[in-house]
Amino acid sequence: MDAVDTFALWLRSTSISEFIRVYPWGWPAAETLHFIGLSMLIGCAGMFDLRLLGFMPKVPIKAVHDLLFWAKVGFALNLVTGIVFFVGAPDQYIRNTAWWGKVLFLVIAGANAFLFETKFGRQVADIKVGEETPVPFKVAAGVSLVSWFFVTYWGRMLPFIGNAF
């Protein structure tokens, strides 16, 4: 038994893992919340990214930027339910290529969002309606859209690649 198997064994002994195994409604409830969170996250972040790329030029960028609060709520919901899934059935994820692909693109999306907010977040309010967004904003938006696409893709591939489910 290697360290990964030992870690998985320990996770399976936690109360969260037991909860998911004992209550048949636990996993479907978490899946439902995960989907709602994903919809909030990708819907709101996607609108902002599309606005940065030049779509909807008559919509004030500040108004779309304010939607990111709901994207963060969706991300928090996904983080909590994602941890529940991982702890509930660690063997489905630890050695699964699709899961690692999802994690990779989550890290890229998170780093991109953090860098954008810390470097350009305050400049967003200065962009006027109809004004062209700066190239770095567009690059960040493109990285975001591509990253979230692949997070969703690899998440969807979990049942089909590796030993998940």
N, C-alpha and C. Protein backbone atom coordinates (compact mmCIF):
# COMPACT_ATOMS: atom_id res chain seq x y z
N MET A 1 0.85 -1.18 0.00
CA MET A 1 0.00 0.00 0.00
C MET A 1 0.90 1.24 0.00
N ASP A 2 0.72 2.11 -1.00
CA ASP A 2 1.54 3.33 -1.07
C ASP A 2 0.84 4.47 -0.33
N ALA A 3 1.47 5.63 -0.34
CA ALA A 3 0.95 6.79 0.39
C ALA A 3 -0.41 7.23 -0.14
N VAL A 4 -0.62 7.11 -1.45
CA VAL A 4 -1.89 7.51 -2.05
C VAL A 4 -3.01 6.60 -1.54
N ASP A 5 -2.76 5.30 -1.51
CA ASP A 5 -3.76 4.36 -1.01
C ASP A 5 -4.04 4.59 0.47
N THR A 6 -3.00 4.88 1.22
CA THR A 6 -3.16 5.16 2.65
C THR A 6 -4.02 6.41 2.85
N PHE A 7 -3.76 7.44 2.05
CA PHE A 7 -4.55 8.66 2.12
C PHE A 7 -6.01 8.38 1.77
N ALA A 8 -6.25 7.62 0.71
CA ALA A 8 -7.62 7.27 0.31
C ALA A 8 -8.32 6.48 1.41
N LEU A 9 -7.61 5.56 2.03
CA LEU A 9 -8.18 4.77 3.12
C LEU A 9 -8.57 5.68 4.28
N TRP A 10 -7.70 6.62 4.60
CA TRP A 10 -8.02 7.57 5.67
C TRP A 10 -9.24 8.40 5.31
N LEU A 11 -9.32 8.90 4.08
CA LEU A 11 -10.48 9.69 3.66
C LEU A 11 -11.77 8.89 3.77
N ARG A 12 -11.72 7.62 3.40
CA ARG A 12 -12.92 6.77 3.48
C ARG A 12 -13.38 6.56 4.92
N SER A 13 -12.51 6.80 5.88
CA SER A 13 -12.88 6.62 7.29
C SER A 13 -13.46 7.88 7.92
N THR A 14 -13.54 8.97 7.17
CA THR A 14 -14.05 10.23 7.73
C THR A 14 -15.58 10.23 7.77
N SER A 15 -16.13 11.14 8.57
CA SER A 15 -17.59 11.23 8.70
C SER A 15 -18.24 11.71 7.39
N ILE A 16 -17.55 12.54 6.63
CA ILE A 16 -18.11 12.98 5.34
C ILE A 16 -18.26 11.80 4.40
N SER A 17 -17.23 10.98 4.32
CA SER A 17 -17.29 9.80 3.46
C SER A 17 -18.39 8.86 3.91
N GLU A 18 -18.49 8.67 5.21
CA GLU A 18 -19.54 7.80 5.74
C GLU A 18 -20.92 8.36 5.42
N PHE A 19 -21.09 9.67 5.56
CA PHE A 19 -22.36 10.32 5.25
C PHE A 19 -22.78 10.04 3.81
N ILE A 20 -21.84 10.19 2.88
CA ILE A 20 -22.14 9.97 1.46
C ILE A 20 -22.51 8.51 1.20
N ARG A 21 -21.87 7.59 1.91
CA ARG A 21 -22.15 6.16 1.70
C ARG A 21 -23.45 5.72 2.38
N VAL A 22 -23.77 6.29 3.54
CA VAL A 22 -24.91 5.84 4.34
C VAL A 22 -26.23 6.41 3.82
N TYR A 23 -26.24 7.67 3.45
CA TYR A 23 -27.48 8.31 3.02
C TYR A 23 -27.56 8.33 1.50
N PRO A 24 -28.51 7.59 0.93
CA PRO A 24 -28.58 7.49 -0.54
C PRO A 24 -28.89 8.81 -1.24
N TRP A 25 -29.42 9.77 -0.52
CA TRP A 25 -29.73 11.06 -1.12
C TRP A 25 -28.55 12.03 -1.06
N GLY A 26 -27.51 11.69 -0.31
CA GLY A 26 -26.38 12.59 -0.11
C GLY A 26 -25.65 12.95 -1.39
N TRP A 27 -25.30 11.93 -2.16
CA TRP A 27 -24.56 12.17 -3.41
C TRP A 27 -25.41 12.96 -4.42
N PRO A 28 -26.68 12.54 -4.67
CA PRO A 28 -27.49 13.31 -5.63
C PRO A 28 -27.73 14.76 -5.17
N ALA A 29 -27.88 14.97 -3.87
CA ALA A 29 -28.06 16.34 -3.38
C ALA A 29 -26.81 17.17 -3.64
N ALA A 30 -25.65 16.58 -3.39
CA ALA A 30 -24.38 17.28 -3.65
C ALA A 30 -24.21 17.54 -5.15
N GLU A 31 -24.60 16.58 -5.99
CA GLU A 31 -24.53 16.76 -7.45
C GLU A 31 -25.40 17.93 -7.89
N THR A 32 -26.60 18.02 -7.32
CA THR A 32 -27.51 19.10 -7.67
C THR A 32 -26.91 20.45 -7.30
N LEU A 33 -26.38 20.54 -6.08
CA LEU A 33 -25.75 21.79 -5.64
C LEU A 33 -24.51 22.11 -6.48
N HIS A 34 -23.77 21.07 -6.86
CA HIS A 34 -22.58 21.27 -7.68
C HIS A 34 -22.97 21.84 -9.05
N PHE A 35 -24.04 21.33 -9.62
CA PHE A 35 -24.51 21.83 -10.92
C PHE A 35 -25.00 23.27 -10.81
N ILE A 36 -25.72 23.58 -9.74
CA ILE A 36 -26.18 24.96 -9.53
C ILE A 36 -24.99 25.90 -9.39
N GLY A 37 -24.01 25.49 -8.60
CA GLY A 37 -22.80 26.30 -8.43
C GLY A 37 -22.06 26.49 -9.74
N LEU A 38 -21.96 25.42 -10.53
CA LEU A 38 -21.28 25.50 -11.82
C LEU A 38 -22.02 26.45 -12.76
N SER A 39 -23.33 26.40 -12.74
CA SER A 39 -24.13 27.30 -13.58
C SER A 39 -23.92 28.76 -13.18
N MET A 40 -23.90 29.01 -11.88
CA MET A 40 -23.66 30.37 -11.39
C MET A 40 -22.26 30.84 -11.79
N LEU A 41 -21.30 29.99 -11.56
CA LEU A 41 -19.90 30.34 -11.83
C LEU A 41 -19.67 30.62 -13.31
N ILE A 42 -20.01 29.66 -14.14
CA ILE A 42 -19.72 29.80 -15.57
C ILE A 42 -20.63 30.83 -16.22
N GLY A 43 -21.88 30.91 -15.78
CA GLY A 43 -22.78 31.91 -16.33
C GLY A 43 -22.30 33.33 -16.06
N CYS A 44 -21.98 33.61 -14.81
CA CYS A 44 -21.57 34.97 -14.44
C CYS A 44 -20.16 35.30 -14.91
N ALA A 45 -19.22 34.40 -14.70
CA ALA A 45 -17.85 34.65 -15.16
C ALA A 45 -17.81 34.70 -16.68
N GLY A 46 -18.60 33.85 -17.32
CA GLY A 46 -18.65 33.83 -18.78
C GLY A 46 -19.18 35.14 -19.35
N MET A 47 -20.20 35.70 -18.72
CA MET A 47 -20.73 37.00 -19.18
C MET A 47 -19.66 38.08 -19.07
N PHE A 48 -18.94 38.07 -17.96
CA PHE A 48 -17.88 39.06 -17.77
C PHE A 48 -16.78 38.88 -18.81
N ASP A 49 -16.38 37.63 -19.02
CA ASP A 49 -15.33 37.36 -20.01
C ASP A 49 -15.75 37.79 -21.41
N LEU A 50 -16.98 37.48 -21.77
CA LEU A 50 -17.47 37.88 -23.10
C LEU A 50 -17.50 39.40 -23.24
N ARG A 51 -17.87 40.09 -22.17
CA ARG A 51 -17.86 41.56 -22.21
C ARG A 51 -16.43 42.08 -22.39
N LEU A 52 -15.47 41.47 -21.69
CA LEU A 52 -14.07 41.88 -21.85
C LEU A 52 -13.58 41.65 -23.28
N LEU A 53 -14.10 40.61 -23.92
CA LEU A 53 -13.68 40.29 -25.29
C LEU A 53 -14.34 41.20 -26.33
N GLY A 54 -15.27 42.05 -25.89
CA GLY A 54 -15.88 43.00 -26.81
C GLY A 54 -17.32 42.72 -27.16
N PHE A 55 -17.87 41.63 -26.68
CA PHE A 55 -19.29 41.36 -26.90
C PHE A 55 -20.10 42.26 -25.97
N MET A 56 -21.32 42.53 -26.32
CA MET A 56 -22.24 43.38 -25.54
C MET A 56 -21.61 44.74 -25.21
N PRO A 57 -21.10 45.47 -26.20
CA PRO A 57 -20.37 46.71 -25.92
C PRO A 57 -21.23 47.81 -25.28
N LYS A 58 -22.55 47.70 -25.39
CA LYS A 58 -23.41 48.73 -24.81
C LYS A 58 -23.75 48.46 -23.34
N VAL A 59 -23.32 47.31 -22.85
CA VAL A 59 -23.54 46.97 -21.45
C VAL A 59 -22.36 47.52 -20.64
N PRO A 60 -22.64 48.31 -19.60
CA PRO A 60 -21.54 48.83 -18.78
C PRO A 60 -20.72 47.68 -18.17
N ILE A 61 -19.42 47.76 -18.34
CA ILE A 61 -18.56 46.67 -17.88
C ILE A 61 -18.62 46.53 -16.36
N LYS A 62 -18.85 47.63 -15.66
CA LYS A 62 -18.96 47.58 -14.19
C LYS A 62 -20.16 46.73 -13.78
N ALA A 63 -21.26 46.83 -14.52
CA ALA A 63 -22.45 46.04 -14.19
C ALA A 63 -22.17 44.55 -14.34
N VAL A 64 -21.44 44.18 -15.38
CA VAL A 64 -21.12 42.77 -15.59
C VAL A 64 -20.06 42.32 -14.58
N HIS A 65 -19.15 43.22 -14.23
CA HIS A 65 -18.13 42.91 -13.23
C HIS A 65 -18.78 42.60 -11.88
N ASP A 66 -19.87 43.29 -11.57
CA ASP A 66 -20.58 43.04 -10.31
C ASP A 66 -21.17 41.63 -10.24
N LEU A 67 -21.39 41.00 -11.39
CA LEU A 67 -21.88 39.61 -11.40
C LEU A 67 -20.86 38.63 -10.83
N LEU A 68 -19.60 39.05 -10.79
CA LEU A 68 -18.56 38.13 -10.30
C LEU A 68 -18.78 37.74 -8.84
N PHE A 69 -19.54 38.53 -8.09
CA PHE A 69 -19.90 38.11 -6.73
C PHE A 69 -20.60 36.76 -6.78
N TRP A 70 -21.55 36.63 -7.71
CA TRP A 70 -22.31 35.39 -7.83
C TRP A 70 -21.46 34.26 -8.40
N ALA A 71 -20.50 34.61 -9.22
CA ALA A 71 -19.55 33.59 -9.70
C ALA A 71 -18.75 33.04 -8.53
N LYS A 72 -18.36 33.92 -7.61
CA LYS A 72 -17.61 33.48 -6.42
C LYS A 72 -18.48 32.62 -5.51
N VAL A 73 -19.75 32.96 -5.38
CA VAL A 73 -20.67 32.13 -4.60
C VAL A 73 -20.78 30.75 -5.24
N GLY A 74 -20.91 30.72 -6.56
CA GLY A 74 -20.96 29.45 -7.28
C GLY A 74 -19.69 28.65 -7.11
N PHE A 75 -18.54 29.33 -7.16
CA PHE A 75 -17.27 28.63 -6.96
C PHE A 75 -17.19 28.04 -5.56
N ALA A 76 -17.61 28.81 -4.56
CA ALA A 76 -17.59 28.31 -3.18
C ALA A 76 -18.47 27.07 -3.03
N LEU A 77 -19.64 27.12 -3.65
CA LEU A 77 -20.54 25.96 -3.62
C LEU A 77 -19.89 24.76 -4.29
N ASN A 78 -19.24 24.99 -5.41
CA ASN A 78 -18.55 23.89 -6.11
C ASN A 78 -17.36 23.37 -5.32
N LEU A 79 -16.65 24.26 -4.66
CA LEU A 79 -15.51 23.83 -3.86
C LEU A 79 -15.97 22.90 -2.73
N VAL A 80 -17.02 23.31 -2.03
CA VAL A 80 -17.53 22.49 -0.92
C VAL A 80 -18.05 21.15 -1.43
N THR A 81 -18.88 21.17 -2.47
CA THR A 81 -19.42 19.90 -2.97
C THR A 81 -18.33 19.06 -3.62
N GLY A 82 -17.37 19.69 -4.27
CA GLY A 82 -16.25 18.94 -4.84
C GLY A 82 -15.45 18.22 -3.78
N ILE A 83 -15.23 18.88 -2.65
CA ILE A 83 -14.53 18.23 -1.54
C ILE A 83 -15.35 17.07 -1.00
N VAL A 84 -16.67 17.26 -0.92
CA VAL A 84 -17.54 16.17 -0.48
C VAL A 84 -17.42 14.97 -1.42
N PHE A 85 -17.42 15.21 -2.72
CA PHE A 85 -17.26 14.11 -3.68
C PHE A 85 -15.92 13.41 -3.48
N PHE A 86 -14.87 14.20 -3.39
CA PHE A 86 -13.53 13.63 -3.27
C PHE A 86 -13.37 12.82 -1.99
N VAL A 87 -13.83 13.37 -0.88
CA VAL A 87 -13.73 12.66 0.39
C VAL A 87 -14.69 11.47 0.42
N GLY A 88 -15.85 11.63 -0.21
CA GLY A 88 -16.84 10.55 -0.21
C GLY A 88 -16.42 9.33 -1.00
N ALA A 89 -15.65 9.52 -2.04
CA ALA A 89 -15.22 8.40 -2.89
C ALA A 89 -13.84 8.70 -3.47
N PRO A 90 -12.82 8.75 -2.63
CA PRO A 90 -11.49 9.16 -3.11
C PRO A 90 -10.92 8.26 -4.19
N ASP A 91 -11.27 6.97 -4.19
CA ASP A 91 -10.74 6.05 -5.19
C ASP A 91 -11.19 6.41 -6.61
N GLN A 92 -12.33 7.12 -6.71
CA GLN A 92 -12.83 7.51 -8.03
C GLN A 92 -12.01 8.66 -8.63
N TYR A 93 -11.25 9.33 -7.80
CA TYR A 93 -10.59 10.55 -8.25
C TYR A 93 -9.06 10.50 -8.22
N ILE A 94 -8.50 9.96 -7.17
CA ILE A 94 -7.06 10.08 -6.93
C ILE A 94 -6.20 9.67 -8.12
N ARG A 95 -6.55 8.60 -8.77
CA ARG A 95 -5.73 8.11 -9.90
C ARG A 95 -6.43 8.30 -11.25
N ASN A 96 -7.39 9.19 -11.28
CA ASN A 96 -8.18 9.40 -12.49
C ASN A 96 -7.61 10.57 -13.31
N THR A 97 -7.23 10.29 -14.54
CA THR A 97 -6.66 11.31 -15.43
C THR A 97 -7.61 12.48 -15.62
N ALA A 98 -8.89 12.21 -15.76
CA ALA A 98 -9.87 13.27 -15.97
C ALA A 98 -9.92 14.20 -14.75
N TRP A 99 -9.85 13.64 -13.57
CA TRP A 99 -9.88 14.46 -12.36
C TRP A 99 -8.66 15.37 -12.30
N TRP A 100 -7.50 14.83 -12.61
CA TRP A 100 -6.28 15.64 -12.60
C TRP A 100 -6.33 16.72 -13.69
N GLY A 101 -6.95 16.41 -14.84
CA GLY A 101 -7.14 17.44 -15.87
C GLY A 101 -8.03 18.56 -15.35
N LYS A 102 -9.09 18.18 -14.66
CA LYS A 102 -10.00 19.17 -14.09
C LYS A 102 -9.27 20.04 -13.07
N VAL A 103 -8.50 19.42 -12.20
CA VAL A 103 -7.75 20.16 -11.19
C VAL A 103 -6.74 21.11 -11.84
N LEU A 104 -6.05 20.65 -12.88
CA LEU A 104 -5.09 21.49 -13.58
C LEU A 104 -5.76 22.76 -14.11
N PHE A 105 -6.90 22.60 -14.77
CA PHE A 105 -7.56 23.77 -15.34
C PHE A 105 -8.24 24.62 -14.27
N LEU A 106 -8.62 24.03 -13.14
CA LEU A 106 -9.10 24.82 -12.01
C LEU A 106 -8.00 25.74 -11.48
N VAL A 107 -6.80 25.20 -11.38
CA VAL A 107 -5.66 25.99 -10.92
C VAL A 107 -5.37 27.12 -11.91
N ILE A 108 -5.39 26.81 -13.20
CA ILE A 108 -5.15 27.84 -14.22
C ILE A 108 -6.22 28.93 -14.14
N ALA A 109 -7.49 28.52 -14.06
CA ALA A 109 -8.59 29.49 -13.98
C ALA A 109 -8.48 30.34 -12.72
N GLY A 110 -8.16 29.70 -11.60
CA GLY A 110 -8.03 30.44 -10.35
C GLY A 110 -6.88 31.42 -10.36
N ALA A 111 -5.73 30.99 -10.87
CA ALA A 111 -4.56 31.88 -10.96
C ALA A 111 -4.86 33.05 -11.89
N ASN A 112 -5.51 32.77 -13.00
CA ASN A 112 -5.88 33.81 -13.96
C ASN A 112 -6.81 34.83 -13.32
N ALA A 113 -7.84 34.35 -12.61
CA ALA A 113 -8.78 35.26 -11.95
C ALA A 113 -8.09 36.10 -10.88
N PHE A 114 -7.24 35.46 -10.10
CA PHE A 114 -6.51 36.17 -9.04
C PHE A 114 -5.61 37.25 -9.64
N LEU A 115 -4.86 36.89 -10.67
CA LEU A 115 -3.97 37.86 -11.31
C LEU A 115 -4.75 39.01 -11.94
N PHE A 116 -5.87 38.69 -12.58
CA PHE A 116 -6.67 39.74 -13.20
C PHE A 116 -7.19 40.71 -12.14
N GLU A 117 -7.77 40.17 -11.07
CA GLU A 117 -8.35 41.03 -10.04
C GLU A 117 -7.29 41.87 -9.33
N THR A 118 -6.13 41.28 -9.06
CA THR A 118 -5.10 42.04 -8.35
C THR A 118 -4.43 43.07 -9.25
N LYS A 119 -4.27 42.76 -10.51
CA LYS A 119 -3.56 43.67 -11.42
C LYS A 119 -4.50 44.67 -12.11
N PHE A 120 -5.69 44.22 -12.50
CA PHE A 120 -6.56 45.07 -13.31
C PHE A 120 -7.93 45.36 -12.68
N GLY A 121 -8.24 44.74 -11.56
CA GLY A 121 -9.58 44.84 -10.98
C GLY A 121 -10.11 46.26 -10.81
N ARG A 122 -9.25 47.17 -10.37
CA ARG A 122 -9.69 48.55 -10.15
C ARG A 122 -9.85 49.33 -11.45
N GLN A 123 -9.19 48.88 -12.50
CA GLN A 123 -9.27 49.58 -13.79
C GLN A 123 -10.56 49.28 -14.54
N VAL A 124 -11.25 48.23 -14.12
CA VAL A 124 -12.48 47.82 -14.82
C VAL A 124 -13.50 48.95 -14.80
N ALA A 125 -13.64 49.64 -13.67
CA ALA A 125 -14.64 50.71 -13.55
C ALA A 125 -14.35 51.88 -14.48
N ASP A 126 -13.11 52.02 -14.93
CA ASP A 126 -12.72 53.14 -15.80
C ASP A 126 -13.13 52.95 -17.26
N ILE A 127 -13.51 51.75 -17.63
CA ILE A 127 -13.85 51.47 -19.03
C ILE A 127 -15.27 51.98 -19.30
N LYS A 128 -15.38 52.81 -20.28
CA LYS A 128 -16.67 53.41 -20.64
C LYS A 128 -17.47 52.48 -21.55
N VAL A 129 -18.77 52.71 -21.58
CA VAL A 129 -19.65 51.94 -22.45
C VAL A 129 -19.19 52.12 -23.89
N GLY A 130 -19.04 51.03 -24.61
CA GLY A 130 -18.62 51.06 -26.00
C GLY A 130 -17.12 51.17 -26.20
N GLU A 131 -16.37 51.43 -25.14
CA GLU A 131 -14.92 51.56 -25.25
C GLU A 131 -14.27 50.18 -25.40
N GLU A 132 -13.24 50.12 -26.21
CA GLU A 132 -12.49 48.88 -26.42
C GLU A 132 -11.74 48.51 -25.14
N THR A 133 -11.77 47.25 -24.78
CA THR A 133 -11.02 46.82 -23.59
C THR A 133 -9.56 46.58 -23.97
N PRO A 134 -8.66 46.82 -23.03
CA PRO A 134 -7.23 46.61 -23.30
C PRO A 134 -6.93 45.14 -23.63
N VAL A 135 -5.88 44.93 -24.40
CA VAL A 135 -5.48 43.58 -24.81
C VAL A 135 -5.25 42.65 -23.61
N PRO A 136 -4.57 43.09 -22.53
CA PRO A 136 -4.40 42.16 -21.41
C PRO A 136 -5.72 41.68 -20.81
N PHE A 137 -6.75 42.54 -20.85
CA PHE A 137 -8.07 42.13 -20.36
C PHE A 137 -8.62 41.02 -21.25
N LYS A 138 -8.44 41.19 -22.55
CA LYS A 138 -8.94 40.19 -23.50
C LYS A 138 -8.20 38.87 -23.35
N VAL A 139 -6.91 38.94 -23.12
CA VAL A 139 -6.12 37.71 -22.91
C VAL A 139 -6.63 36.99 -21.67
N ALA A 140 -6.83 37.73 -20.58
CA ALA A 140 -7.33 37.13 -19.35
C ALA A 140 -8.71 36.51 -19.57
N ALA A 141 -9.56 37.19 -20.32
CA ALA A 141 -10.89 36.66 -20.60
C ALA A 141 -10.81 35.38 -21.42
N GLY A 142 -9.93 35.36 -22.41
CA GLY A 142 -9.76 34.16 -23.23
C GLY A 142 -9.24 32.99 -22.41
N VAL A 143 -8.26 33.25 -21.56
CA VAL A 143 -7.73 32.19 -20.69
C VAL A 143 -8.83 31.68 -19.77
N SER A 144 -9.63 32.58 -19.25
CA SER A 144 -10.73 32.19 -18.37
C SER A 144 -11.74 31.30 -19.09
N LEU A 145 -12.19 31.73 -20.25
CA LEU A 145 -13.19 30.93 -20.99
C LEU A 145 -12.64 29.55 -21.35
N VAL A 146 -11.42 29.50 -21.83
CA VAL A 146 -10.82 28.22 -22.20
C VAL A 146 -10.64 27.34 -20.96
N SER A 147 -10.18 27.94 -19.87
CA SER A 147 -9.98 27.16 -18.64
C SER A 147 -11.29 26.58 -18.13
N TRP A 148 -12.33 27.40 -18.06
CA TRP A 148 -13.61 26.89 -17.55
C TRP A 148 -14.22 25.87 -18.50
N PHE A 149 -13.99 26.04 -19.80
CA PHE A 149 -14.44 25.01 -20.74
C PHE A 149 -13.80 23.67 -20.39
N PHE A 150 -12.48 23.67 -20.17
CA PHE A 150 -11.79 22.42 -19.89
C PHE A 150 -12.08 21.88 -18.48
N VAL A 151 -12.35 22.75 -17.52
CA VAL A 151 -12.80 22.27 -16.21
C VAL A 151 -14.09 21.48 -16.39
N THR A 152 -15.01 22.05 -17.16
CA THR A 152 -16.29 21.39 -17.42
C THR A 152 -16.09 20.11 -18.23
N TYR A 153 -15.27 20.18 -19.25
CA TYR A 153 -15.01 19.00 -20.09
C TYR A 153 -14.44 17.85 -19.26
N TRP A 154 -13.37 18.12 -18.51
CA TRP A 154 -12.75 17.04 -17.73
C TRP A 154 -13.68 16.55 -16.62
N GLY A 155 -14.47 17.45 -16.06
CA GLY A 155 -15.46 17.01 -15.07
C GLY A 155 -16.49 16.08 -15.69
N ARG A 156 -16.89 16.40 -16.89
CA ARG A 156 -17.86 15.56 -17.59
C ARG A 156 -17.24 14.22 -18.00
N MET A 157 -15.96 14.18 -18.22
CA MET A 157 -15.26 12.95 -18.62
C MET A 157 -14.98 12.01 -17.45
N LEU A 158 -15.19 12.47 -16.23
CA LEU A 158 -14.91 11.62 -15.06
C LEU A 158 -15.54 10.23 -15.15
N PRO A 159 -16.79 10.10 -15.56
CA PRO A 159 -17.37 8.75 -15.61
C PRO A 159 -16.81 7.88 -16.74
N PHE A 160 -16.17 8.50 -17.71
CA PHE A 160 -15.76 7.76 -18.90
C PHE A 160 -14.27 7.46 -18.98
N ILE A 161 -13.47 8.17 -18.22
CA ILE A 161 -12.02 7.99 -18.26
C ILE A 161 -11.55 7.55 -16.88
N GLY A 162 -10.70 6.57 -16.83
CA GLY A 162 -10.17 6.12 -15.54
C GLY A 162 -11.15 5.21 -14.82
N ASN A 163 -11.07 5.23 -13.52
CA ASN A 163 -11.87 4.30 -12.72
C ASN A 163 -13.01 4.97 -11.98
N ALA A 164 -13.44 6.14 -12.41
CA ALA A 164 -14.51 6.83 -11.71
C ALA A 164 -15.86 6.20 -12.01
N PHE A 165 -16.66 6.08 -10.98
CA PHE A 165 -18.05 5.65 -11.07
C PHE A 165 -18.11 4.27 -11.65
